[in-house]
């Protein structure tokens, strides 16, 4: 898709937020929070986001075009989530992750937590049972001894004339 061919209305619809905060605009407000609160949120985009949250439950919002400061991303993510009845699950850089359970739920979080706990417990039990009994130093000694034996056998298999010129690794 070439965004340069879009009509002005399509550009508005494609943008997450039609007004952006930049350092020059921040001078008109006492705080970043005030500047984020006056941002105009495109109602079509908000409706689309609402539908996506009901369907997918998790949505990543890249807000780097809307706010220039990372703290602003958190504030804007919280504002959007409040309007949509969602939760800000995570903010990393200029990206906010929103979560809202769908109806019927898509993600069964209780089941995911139980599975992860069970997998973690079984992995820890397996590691505990085997790691305490396993002697890594002994394995390294055995490997070194095998390598030495192989080198000796290779050297003996060579004719005597080439043994003098061979290099040992």
C-alpha atoms as a PDB file:
ATOM      1  CA  UNK A   1       0.000   0.000   0.000  1.00  0.00           C
ATOM      2  CA  UNK A   2       1.314   3.371  -1.001  1.00  0.00           C
ATOM      3  CA  UNK A   3       0.118   5.892   1.587  1.00  0.00           C
ATOM      4  CA  UNK A   4       0.916   8.812  -0.735  1.00  0.00           C
ATOM      5  CA  UNK A   5      -2.045   7.879  -2.969  1.00  0.00           C
ATOM      6  CA  UNK A   6      -4.568   7.952  -0.129  1.00  0.00           C
ATOM      7  CA  UNK A   7      -7.189  10.669   0.068  1.00  0.00           C
ATOM      8  CA  UNK A   8      -7.055  13.037   3.070  1.00  0.00           C
ATOM      9  CA  UNK A   9      -9.995  11.179   4.666  1.00  0.00           C
ATOM     10  CA  UNK A  10      -8.230   7.813   4.231  1.00  0.00           C
ATOM     11  CA  UNK A  11      -5.088   9.254   5.788  1.00  0.00           C
ATOM     12  CA  UNK A  12      -7.121  10.384   8.811  1.00  0.00           C
ATOM     13  CA  UNK A  13      -8.701   6.938   9.080  1.00  0.00           C
ATOM     14  CA  UNK A  14      -5.326   5.196   8.827  1.00  0.00           C
ATOM     15  CA  UNK A  15      -3.645   7.325  11.457  1.00  0.00           C
ATOM     16  CA  UNK A  16      -3.971   6.173  15.006  1.00  0.00           C
ATOM     17  CA  UNK A  17      -4.432   9.697  16.301  1.00  0.00           C
ATOM     18  CA  UNK A  18      -4.790  12.691  14.023  1.00  0.00           C
ATOM     19  CA  UNK A  19      -3.060  15.135  16.358  1.00  0.00           C
ATOM     20  CA  UNK A  20       0.498  14.592  17.487  1.00  0.00           C
ATOM     21  CA  UNK A  21       2.375  15.956  20.449  1.00  0.00           C
ATOM     22  CA  UNK A  22       5.773  17.386  19.711  1.00  0.00           C
ATOM     23  CA  UNK A  23       8.053  19.484  21.885  1.00  0.00           C
ATOM     24  CA  UNK A  24       6.746  22.717  20.343  1.00  0.00           C
ATOM     25  CA  UNK A  25       3.157  21.790  21.266  1.00  0.00           C
ATOM     26  CA  UNK A  26       4.119  20.851  24.815  1.00  0.00           C
ATOM     27  CA  UNK A  27       5.008  24.474  25.501  1.00  0.00           C
ATOM     28  CA  UNK A  28       1.276  25.303  25.398  1.00  0.00           C
ATOM     29  CA  UNK A  29       0.539  22.934  28.306  1.00  0.00           C
ATOM     30  CA  UNK A  30       1.733  22.754  31.892  1.00  0.00           C
ATOM     31  CA  UNK A  31       2.402  19.017  31.729  1.00  0.00           C
ATOM     32  CA  UNK A  32       2.649  16.073  29.392  1.00  0.00           C
ATOM     33  CA  UNK A  33      -0.506  14.671  30.999  1.00  0.00           C
ATOM     34  CA  UNK A  34      -2.494  17.762  29.996  1.00  0.00           C
ATOM     35  CA  UNK A  35      -1.152  17.545  26.444  1.00  0.00           C
ATOM     36  CA  UNK A  36      -2.129  13.860  26.164  1.00  0.00           C
ATOM     37  CA  UNK A  37      -5.599  14.537  27.561  1.00  0.00           C
ATOM     38  CA  UNK A  38      -6.381  17.140  24.879  1.00  0.00           C
ATOM     39  CA  UNK A  39      -5.406  14.867  21.992  1.00  0.00           C
ATOM     40  CA  UNK A  40      -8.228  14.224  19.547  1.00  0.00           C
ATOM     41  CA  UNK A  41      -8.827  10.482  19.178  1.00  0.00           C
ATOM     42  CA  UNK A  42     -10.267   9.491  15.813  1.00  0.00           C
ATOM     43  CA  UNK A  43     -13.670   7.913  16.582  1.00  0.00           C
ATOM     44  CA  UNK A  44     -13.439   5.516  13.602  1.00  0.00           C
ATOM     45  CA  UNK A  45     -10.093   4.271  14.810  1.00  0.00           C
ATOM     46  CA  UNK A  46     -11.423   3.872  18.370  1.00  0.00           C
ATOM     47  CA  UNK A  47     -14.385   1.844  17.069  1.00  0.00           C
ATOM     48  CA  UNK A  48     -12.043  -0.333  15.026  1.00  0.00           C
ATOM     49  CA  UNK A  49      -9.796  -0.841  18.057  1.00  0.00           C
ATOM     50  CA  UNK A  50     -12.856  -1.724  20.168  1.00  0.00           C
ATOM     51  CA  UNK A  51     -13.919  -4.419  17.649  1.00  0.00           C
ATOM     52  CA  UNK A  52     -10.371  -5.784  17.487  1.00  0.00           C
ATOM     53  CA  UNK A  53     -10.120  -5.999  21.272  1.00  0.00           C
ATOM     54  CA  UNK A  54     -13.401  -7.964  21.445  1.00  0.00           C
ATOM     55  CA  UNK A  55     -12.144 -10.334  18.772  1.00  0.00           C
ATOM     56  CA  UNK A  56      -8.444 -10.718  19.667  1.00  0.00           C
ATOM     57  CA  UNK A  57      -8.282  -9.595  23.329  1.00  0.00           C
ATOM     58  CA  UNK A  58      -4.686  -8.355  22.906  1.00  0.00           C
ATOM     59  CA  UNK A  59      -3.711  -5.394  20.736  1.00  0.00           C
ATOM     60  CA  UNK A  60      -0.336  -3.725  20.226  1.00  0.00           C
ATOM     61  CA  UNK A  61      -0.493   0.037  19.722  1.00  0.00           C
ATOM     62  CA  UNK A  62       2.505   1.755  18.174  1.00  0.00           C
ATOM     63  CA  UNK A  63       2.100   5.346  19.301  1.00  0.00           C
ATOM     64  CA  UNK A  64       5.357   6.874  18.071  1.00  0.00           C
ATOM     65  CA  UNK A  65       3.453   9.114  15.609  1.00  0.00           C
ATOM     66  CA  UNK A  66       1.117  10.306  18.343  1.00  0.00           C
ATOM     67  CA  UNK A  67       3.558  11.117  21.131  1.00  0.00           C
ATOM     68  CA  UNK A  68       7.246  11.910  21.084  1.00  0.00           C
ATOM     69  CA  UNK A  69       7.970  10.976  24.696  1.00  0.00           C
ATOM     70  CA  UNK A  70       7.836   7.439  26.023  1.00  0.00           C
ATOM     71  CA  UNK A  71       6.054   8.593  29.180  1.00  0.00           C
ATOM     72  CA  UNK A  72       3.367  10.004  26.904  1.00  0.00           C
ATOM     73  CA  UNK A  73       2.828   6.516  25.459  1.00  0.00           C
ATOM     74  CA  UNK A  74       1.937   5.201  28.898  1.00  0.00           C
ATOM     75  CA  UNK A  75      -0.419   8.111  29.549  1.00  0.00           C
ATOM     76  CA  UNK A  76      -2.081   7.821  26.134  1.00  0.00           C
ATOM     77  CA  UNK A  77      -2.338   4.034  26.446  1.00  0.00           C
ATOM     78  CA  UNK A  78      -4.047   4.455  29.815  1.00  0.00           C
ATOM     79  CA  UNK A  79      -6.432   7.043  28.358  1.00  0.00           C
ATOM     80  CA  UNK A  80      -7.376   4.789  25.433  1.00  0.00           C
ATOM     81  CA  UNK A  81      -7.747   1.724  27.663  1.00  0.00           C
ATOM     82  CA  UNK A  82      -9.959   3.637  30.081  1.00  0.00           C
ATOM     83  CA  UNK A  83     -12.277   4.709  27.247  1.00  0.00           C
ATOM     84  CA  UNK A  84     -12.473   1.122  25.935  1.00  0.00           C
ATOM     85  CA  UNK A  85     -12.672  -0.667  29.291  1.00  0.00           C
ATOM     86  CA  UNK A  86      -9.336  -2.392  28.673  1.00  0.00           C
ATOM     87  CA  UNK A  87      -6.082  -2.692  30.627  1.00  0.00           C
ATOM     88  CA  UNK A  88      -2.580  -1.588  29.685  1.00  0.00           C
ATOM     89  CA  UNK A  89      -0.760  -4.888  30.030  1.00  0.00           C
ATOM     90  CA  UNK A  90       2.672  -3.552  29.078  1.00  0.00           C
ATOM     91  CA  UNK A  91       4.433  -0.494  27.695  1.00  0.00           C
ATOM     92  CA  UNK A  92       7.766  -0.860  25.902  1.00  0.00           C
ATOM     93  CA  UNK A  93       9.243   2.173  24.218  1.00  0.00           C
ATOM     94  CA  UNK A  94       6.575   3.764  22.038  1.00  0.00           C
ATOM     95  CA  UNK A  95       4.387   0.630  22.045  1.00  0.00           C
ATOM     96  CA  UNK A  96       1.511  -0.156  24.426  1.00  0.00           C
ATOM     97  CA  UNK A  97      -0.118  -3.578  24.761  1.00  0.00           C
ATOM     98  CA  UNK A  98      -3.833  -3.451  25.593  1.00  0.00           C
ATOM     99  CA  UNK A  99      -5.820  -6.386  26.979  1.00  0.00           C
ATOM    100  CA  UNK A 100      -9.536  -6.832  27.395  1.00  0.00           C
ATOM    101  CA  UNK A 101     -11.239 -10.225  27.755  1.00  0.00           C
ATOM    102  CA  UNK A 102     -13.472 -11.041  24.824  1.00  0.00           C
ATOM    103  CA  UNK A 103     -16.881 -12.625  24.938  1.00  0.00           C
ATOM    104  CA  UNK A 104     -16.540 -15.532  24.792  1.00  0.00           C
ATOM    105  CA  UNK A 105     -12.952 -15.376  26.078  1.00  0.00           C
ATOM    106  CA  UNK A 106     -10.286 -16.134  23.493  1.00  0.00           C
ATOM    107  CA  UNK A 107      -7.446 -16.536  25.987  1.00  0.00           C
ATOM    108  CA  UNK A 108      -7.997 -18.722  29.042  1.00  0.00           C
ATOM    109  CA  UNK A 109      -5.505 -17.024  31.339  1.00  0.00           C
ATOM    110  CA  UNK A 110      -6.148 -19.351  34.285  1.00  0.00           C
ATOM    111  CA  UNK A 111      -5.366 -22.379  32.107  1.00  0.00           C
ATOM    112  CA  UNK A 112      -2.234 -20.707  30.700  1.00  0.00           C
ATOM    113  CA  UNK A 113      -0.961 -19.918  34.210  1.00  0.00           C
ATOM    114  CA  UNK A 114      -1.636 -23.483  35.386  1.00  0.00           C
ATOM    115  CA  UNK A 115       0.120 -24.982  32.345  1.00  0.00           C
ATOM    116  CA  UNK A 116       3.126 -22.716  32.783  1.00  0.00           C
ATOM    117  CA  UNK A 117       3.317 -23.541  36.513  1.00  0.00           C
ATOM    118  CA  UNK A 118       3.071 -27.272  35.784  1.00  0.00           C
ATOM    119  CA  UNK A 119       5.755 -27.061  33.098  1.00  0.00           C
ATOM    120  CA  UNK A 120       7.988 -25.033  35.392  1.00  0.00           C
ATOM    121  CA  UNK A 121       7.543 -27.495  38.260  1.00  0.00           C
ATOM    122  CA  UNK A 122       8.234 -30.558  36.124  1.00  0.00           C
ATOM    123  CA  UNK A 123      11.279 -28.888  34.551  1.00  0.00           C
ATOM    124  CA  UNK A 124      12.626 -27.916  37.960  1.00  0.00           C
ATOM    125  CA  UNK A 125      12.009 -31.436  39.313  1.00  0.00           C
ATOM    126  CA  UNK A 126      13.782 -33.012  36.331  1.00  0.00           C
ATOM    127  CA  UNK A 127      16.686 -30.600  36.623  1.00  0.00           C
ATOM    128  CA  UNK A 128      16.935 -31.238  40.354  1.00  0.00           C
ATOM    129  CA  UNK A 129      16.939 -35.004  39.962  1.00  0.00           C
ATOM    130  CA  UNK A 130      19.597 -35.153  37.260  1.00  0.00           C
ATOM    131  CA  UNK A 131      21.855 -32.170  37.737  1.00  0.00           C
ATOM    132  CA  UNK A 132      22.789 -32.990  41.326  1.00  0.00           C
ATOM    133  CA  UNK A 133      23.902 -36.493  40.374  1.00  0.00           C
ATOM    134  CA  UNK A 134      25.680 -35.626  37.131  1.00  0.00           C
ATOM    135  CA  UNK A 135      29.426 -35.030  37.209  1.00  0.00           C
ATOM    136  CA  UNK A 136      30.392 -32.660  34.403  1.00  0.00           C
ATOM    137  CA  UNK A 137      34.107 -32.726  35.312  1.00  0.00           C
ATOM    138  CA  UNK A 138      34.165 -36.484  34.919  1.00  0.00           C
ATOM    139  CA  UNK A 139      32.588 -36.187  31.456  1.00  0.00           C
ATOM    140  CA  UNK A 140      35.208 -33.615  30.404  1.00  0.00           C
ATOM    141  CA  UNK A 141      38.030 -35.888  31.626  1.00  0.00           C
ATOM    142  CA  UNK A 142      36.594 -38.815  29.686  1.00  0.00           C
ATOM    143  CA  UNK A 143      36.308 -36.712  26.517  1.00  0.00           C
ATOM    144  CA  UNK A 144      39.869 -35.506  26.869  1.00  0.00           C
ATOM    145  CA  UNK A 145      41.109 -39.066  27.371  1.00  0.00           C
ATOM    146  CA  UNK A 146      39.203 -40.241  24.268  1.00  0.00           C
ATOM    147  CA  UNK A 147      40.728 -37.435  22.201  1.00  0.00           C
ATOM    148  CA  UNK A 148      44.222 -38.341  23.388  1.00  0.00           C
ATOM    149  CA  UNK A 149      43.644 -42.005  22.549  1.00  0.00           C
ATOM    150  CA  UNK A 150      42.411 -41.099  19.051  1.00  0.00           C
ATOM    151  CA  UNK A 151      45.444 -38.862  18.472  1.00  0.00           C
ATOM    152  CA  UNK A 152      47.804 -41.635  19.586  1.00  0.00           C
ATOM    153  CA  UNK A 153      46.106 -44.178  17.316  1.00  0.00           C
ATOM    154  CA  UNK A 154      46.286 -41.785  14.354  1.00  0.00           C
ATOM    155  CA  UNK A 155      49.960 -41.121  15.030  1.00  0.00           C
ATOM    156  CA  UNK A 156      50.757 -44.843  15.196  1.00  0.00           C
ATOM    157  CA  UNK A 157      48.901 -45.441  11.945  1.00  0.00           C
ATOM    158  CA  UNK A 158      51.137 -42.932  10.137  1.00  0.00           C
ATOM    159  CA  UNK A 159      54.399 -44.049   8.558  1.00  0.00           C
ATOM    160  CA  UNK A 160      57.453 -43.230  10.717  1.00  0.00           C
ATOM    161  CA  UNK A 161      58.774 -40.733   8.193  1.00  0.00           C
ATOM    162  CA  UNK A 162      55.683 -38.516   8.381  1.00  0.00           C
ATOM    163  CA  UNK A 163      55.340 -38.720  12.181  1.00  0.00           C
ATOM    164  CA  UNK A 164      58.192 -36.261  12.661  1.00  0.00           C
ATOM    165  CA  UNK A 165      56.530 -33.607  10.468  1.00  0.00           C
ATOM    166  CA  UNK A 166      52.996 -33.997  11.843  1.00  0.00           C
ATOM    167  CA  UNK A 167      51.499 -31.376  14.075  1.00  0.00           C
ATOM    168  CA  UNK A 168      49.505 -32.339  17.117  1.00  0.00           C
ATOM    169  CA  UNK A 169      46.378 -30.380  17.871  1.00  0.00           C
END
